[in-house]
């Protein structure tokens, strides 16, 4: 179980670090032009898009660094809970925009982050 949790955690961390960096360092207009899955940025201001990206990058760090550095490892499942909440918001945005295919992808991220949160709170918590 620990290995599965580390694999999912690592994949989530990479995805959110890259996605967050893209949102932070790319102008909103370029994000919107990057594809149909990025049209959601039209519903938000440029500052909000950058803030979402920053939260994603912080969550990516929160998934890995506390465990690796053995400092406040309880932050790992809390970061995963934060991602669950963030992606539930993304799912609601997709619902409002009538984008069911992208909503399904967002729900998959919700499930992966929930798995990490549950796994690190219940069967495989970090002990110190």
C-alpha atoms as a PDB file:
ATOM      1  CA  UNK A   1       0.000   0.000   0.000  1.00  0.00           C
ATOM      2  CA  UNK A   2       2.839   2.377   0.839  1.00  0.00           C
ATOM      3  CA  UNK A   3       4.336   1.918  -2.643  1.00  0.00           C
ATOM      4  CA  UNK A   4       0.993   2.599  -4.331  1.00  0.00           C
ATOM      5  CA  UNK A   5       0.558   5.732  -2.233  1.00  0.00           C
ATOM      6  CA  UNK A   6       4.030   6.979  -3.160  1.00  0.00           C
ATOM      7  CA  UNK A   7       3.408   6.334  -6.866  1.00  0.00           C
ATOM      8  CA  UNK A   8       0.078   8.175  -6.875  1.00  0.00           C
ATOM      9  CA  UNK A   9       1.512  10.962  -4.727  1.00  0.00           C
ATOM     10  CA  UNK A  10       4.487  11.394  -7.049  1.00  0.00           C
ATOM     11  CA  UNK A  11       2.307  11.470 -10.153  1.00  0.00           C
ATOM     12  CA  UNK A  12      -0.028  14.014  -8.572  1.00  0.00           C
ATOM     13  CA  UNK A  13       2.895  16.154  -7.447  1.00  0.00           C
ATOM     14  CA  UNK A  14       4.410  16.230 -10.945  1.00  0.00           C
ATOM     15  CA  UNK A  15       1.048  16.971 -12.581  1.00  0.00           C
ATOM     16  CA  UNK A  16       0.219  19.803 -10.205  1.00  0.00           C
ATOM     17  CA  UNK A  17       3.707  21.277 -10.211  1.00  0.00           C
ATOM     18  CA  UNK A  18       3.763  21.442 -14.011  1.00  0.00           C
ATOM     19  CA  UNK A  19       0.139  22.555 -14.332  1.00  0.00           C
ATOM     20  CA  UNK A  20       0.525  25.154 -11.622  1.00  0.00           C
ATOM     21  CA  UNK A  21       3.730  26.530 -13.115  1.00  0.00           C
ATOM     22  CA  UNK A  22       2.000  26.795 -16.495  1.00  0.00           C
ATOM     23  CA  UNK A  23      -0.803  28.842 -14.921  1.00  0.00           C
ATOM     24  CA  UNK A  24       1.575  31.057 -12.944  1.00  0.00           C
ATOM     25  CA  UNK A  25       4.039  31.830 -15.743  1.00  0.00           C
ATOM     26  CA  UNK A  26       1.785  31.868 -18.824  1.00  0.00           C
ATOM     27  CA  UNK A  27      -0.540  34.767 -19.650  1.00  0.00           C
ATOM     28  CA  UNK A  28      -4.220  33.949 -19.307  1.00  0.00           C
ATOM     29  CA  UNK A  29      -4.848  34.542 -23.006  1.00  0.00           C
ATOM     30  CA  UNK A  30      -2.189  31.999 -23.989  1.00  0.00           C
ATOM     31  CA  UNK A  31      -3.653  29.473 -21.563  1.00  0.00           C
ATOM     32  CA  UNK A  32      -7.128  29.923 -23.083  1.00  0.00           C
ATOM     33  CA  UNK A  33      -5.651  29.487 -26.570  1.00  0.00           C
ATOM     34  CA  UNK A  34      -3.794  26.305 -25.615  1.00  0.00           C
ATOM     35  CA  UNK A  35      -6.797  24.043 -26.143  1.00  0.00           C
ATOM     36  CA  UNK A  36     -10.432  23.296 -25.407  1.00  0.00           C
ATOM     37  CA  UNK A  37      -9.630  21.964 -21.933  1.00  0.00           C
ATOM     38  CA  UNK A  38      -8.253  25.371 -20.920  1.00  0.00           C
ATOM     39  CA  UNK A  39     -11.279  27.483 -21.859  1.00  0.00           C
ATOM     40  CA  UNK A  40     -12.270  27.569 -18.181  1.00  0.00           C
ATOM     41  CA  UNK A  41      -9.824  30.445 -17.658  1.00  0.00           C
ATOM     42  CA  UNK A  42     -12.313  32.694 -19.458  1.00  0.00           C
ATOM     43  CA  UNK A  43     -14.460  32.508 -16.305  1.00  0.00           C
ATOM     44  CA  UNK A  44     -11.680  33.889 -14.091  1.00  0.00           C
ATOM     45  CA  UNK A  45      -9.471  36.951 -13.929  1.00  0.00           C
ATOM     46  CA  UNK A  46      -5.752  36.730 -14.641  1.00  0.00           C
ATOM     47  CA  UNK A  47      -4.927  37.056 -10.935  1.00  0.00           C
ATOM     48  CA  UNK A  48      -7.285  34.241  -9.996  1.00  0.00           C
ATOM     49  CA  UNK A  49      -5.726  31.947 -12.615  1.00  0.00           C
ATOM     50  CA  UNK A  50      -2.258  32.707 -11.235  1.00  0.00           C
ATOM     51  CA  UNK A  51      -3.513  32.134  -7.684  1.00  0.00           C
ATOM     52  CA  UNK A  52      -4.945  28.752  -8.679  1.00  0.00           C
ATOM     53  CA  UNK A  53      -1.579  27.885 -10.214  1.00  0.00           C
ATOM     54  CA  UNK A  54       0.253  28.956  -7.069  1.00  0.00           C
ATOM     55  CA  UNK A  55      -2.062  26.825  -4.908  1.00  0.00           C
ATOM     56  CA  UNK A  56      -1.409  23.852  -7.195  1.00  0.00           C
ATOM     57  CA  UNK A  57       2.360  24.335  -6.893  1.00  0.00           C
ATOM     58  CA  UNK A  58       2.132  24.606  -3.105  1.00  0.00           C
ATOM     59  CA  UNK A  59       0.012  21.465  -2.978  1.00  0.00           C
ATOM     60  CA  UNK A  60       2.590  19.617  -5.074  1.00  0.00           C
ATOM     61  CA  UNK A  61       5.289  20.631  -2.605  1.00  0.00           C
ATOM     62  CA  UNK A  62       3.009  19.679   0.302  1.00  0.00           C
ATOM     63  CA  UNK A  63       2.513  16.201  -1.095  1.00  0.00           C
ATOM     64  CA  UNK A  64       6.239  15.416  -1.174  1.00  0.00           C
ATOM     65  CA  UNK A  65       8.439  17.677   0.945  1.00  0.00           C
ATOM     66  CA  UNK A  66       7.036  17.027   4.456  1.00  0.00           C
ATOM     67  CA  UNK A  67       7.483  13.274   4.038  1.00  0.00           C
ATOM     68  CA  UNK A  68      10.903  13.476   2.417  1.00  0.00           C
ATOM     69  CA  UNK A  69      12.210  16.013   4.947  1.00  0.00           C
ATOM     70  CA  UNK A  70      10.524  14.256   7.917  1.00  0.00           C
ATOM     71  CA  UNK A  71       9.076  17.596   9.005  1.00  0.00           C
ATOM     72  CA  UNK A  72       5.364  17.797   9.844  1.00  0.00           C
ATOM     73  CA  UNK A  73       4.404  14.753   7.766  1.00  0.00           C
ATOM     74  CA  UNK A  74       0.732  15.319   8.614  1.00  0.00           C
ATOM     75  CA  UNK A  75       0.889  18.012   5.927  1.00  0.00           C
ATOM     76  CA  UNK A  76       0.935  15.314   3.219  1.00  0.00           C
ATOM     77  CA  UNK A  77      -2.663  14.136   3.711  1.00  0.00           C
ATOM     78  CA  UNK A  78      -3.734  17.722   4.404  1.00  0.00           C
ATOM     79  CA  UNK A  79      -2.267  18.790   1.046  1.00  0.00           C
ATOM     80  CA  UNK A  80      -4.178  15.923  -0.561  1.00  0.00           C
ATOM     81  CA  UNK A  81      -7.406  17.120   1.099  1.00  0.00           C
ATOM     82  CA  UNK A  82      -6.672  20.593  -0.252  1.00  0.00           C
ATOM     83  CA  UNK A  83      -6.349  19.130  -3.739  1.00  0.00           C
ATOM     84  CA  UNK A  84      -9.652  17.309  -3.320  1.00  0.00           C
ATOM     85  CA  UNK A  85     -11.319  20.626  -2.497  1.00  0.00           C
ATOM     86  CA  UNK A  86      -9.566  22.439  -5.349  1.00  0.00           C
ATOM     87  CA  UNK A  87     -10.584  19.787  -7.862  1.00  0.00           C
ATOM     88  CA  UNK A  88     -14.160  19.718  -6.602  1.00  0.00           C
ATOM     89  CA  UNK A  89     -14.207  23.427  -7.429  1.00  0.00           C
ATOM     90  CA  UNK A  90     -12.773  22.618 -10.863  1.00  0.00           C
ATOM     91  CA  UNK A  91     -15.466  19.981 -11.339  1.00  0.00           C
ATOM     92  CA  UNK A  92     -18.173  22.516 -10.505  1.00  0.00           C
ATOM     93  CA  UNK A  93     -16.669  24.950 -13.011  1.00  0.00           C
ATOM     94  CA  UNK A  94     -16.738  22.242 -15.687  1.00  0.00           C
ATOM     95  CA  UNK A  95     -20.334  21.429 -14.771  1.00  0.00           C
ATOM     96  CA  UNK A  96     -21.352  25.075 -15.140  1.00  0.00           C
ATOM     97  CA  UNK A  97     -19.581  25.208 -18.504  1.00  0.00           C
ATOM     98  CA  UNK A  98     -21.261  21.981 -19.694  1.00  0.00           C
ATOM     99  CA  UNK A  99     -17.943  20.168 -20.167  1.00  0.00           C
ATOM    100  CA  UNK A 100     -18.704  16.600 -19.007  1.00  0.00           C
ATOM    101  CA  UNK A 101     -15.584  14.990 -20.508  1.00  0.00           C
ATOM    102  CA  UNK A 102     -13.266  17.381 -18.696  1.00  0.00           C
ATOM    103  CA  UNK A 103     -15.410  17.085 -15.575  1.00  0.00           C
ATOM    104  CA  UNK A 104     -14.719  13.341 -15.593  1.00  0.00           C
ATOM    105  CA  UNK A 105     -10.971  14.000 -15.705  1.00  0.00           C
ATOM    106  CA  UNK A 106     -11.269  16.409 -12.779  1.00  0.00           C
ATOM    107  CA  UNK A 107     -13.219  13.786 -10.820  1.00  0.00           C
ATOM    108  CA  UNK A 108     -10.433  11.280 -11.497  1.00  0.00           C
ATOM    109  CA  UNK A 109      -8.001  13.739  -9.888  1.00  0.00           C
ATOM    110  CA  UNK A 110     -10.419  14.069  -6.946  1.00  0.00           C
ATOM    111  CA  UNK A 111     -10.364  10.293  -6.487  1.00  0.00           C
ATOM    112  CA  UNK A 112      -6.569  10.080  -6.708  1.00  0.00           C
ATOM    113  CA  UNK A 113      -6.076  12.873  -4.182  1.00  0.00           C
ATOM    114  CA  UNK A 114      -8.731  11.332  -1.904  1.00  0.00           C
ATOM    115  CA  UNK A 115      -6.870   8.016  -2.093  1.00  0.00           C
ATOM    116  CA  UNK A 116      -3.665   9.723  -0.943  1.00  0.00           C
ATOM    117  CA  UNK A 117      -5.475  11.591   1.854  1.00  0.00           C
ATOM    118  CA  UNK A 118      -7.200   8.447   3.097  1.00  0.00           C
ATOM    119  CA  UNK A 119      -4.064   6.338   2.705  1.00  0.00           C
ATOM    120  CA  UNK A 120      -1.887   8.724   4.679  1.00  0.00           C
ATOM    121  CA  UNK A 121      -4.478   9.373   7.383  1.00  0.00           C
ATOM    122  CA  UNK A 122      -5.602   5.765   7.958  1.00  0.00           C
ATOM    123  CA  UNK A 123      -3.642   2.678   6.782  1.00  0.00           C
ATOM    124  CA  UNK A 124      -0.170   4.161   6.077  1.00  0.00           C
ATOM    125  CA  UNK A 125       0.372   7.374   8.042  1.00  0.00           C
ATOM    126  CA  UNK A 126       3.847   8.773   8.394  1.00  0.00           C
ATOM    127  CA  UNK A 127       4.994   8.243  11.958  1.00  0.00           C
ATOM    128  CA  UNK A 128       7.387  11.069  12.428  1.00  0.00           C
END
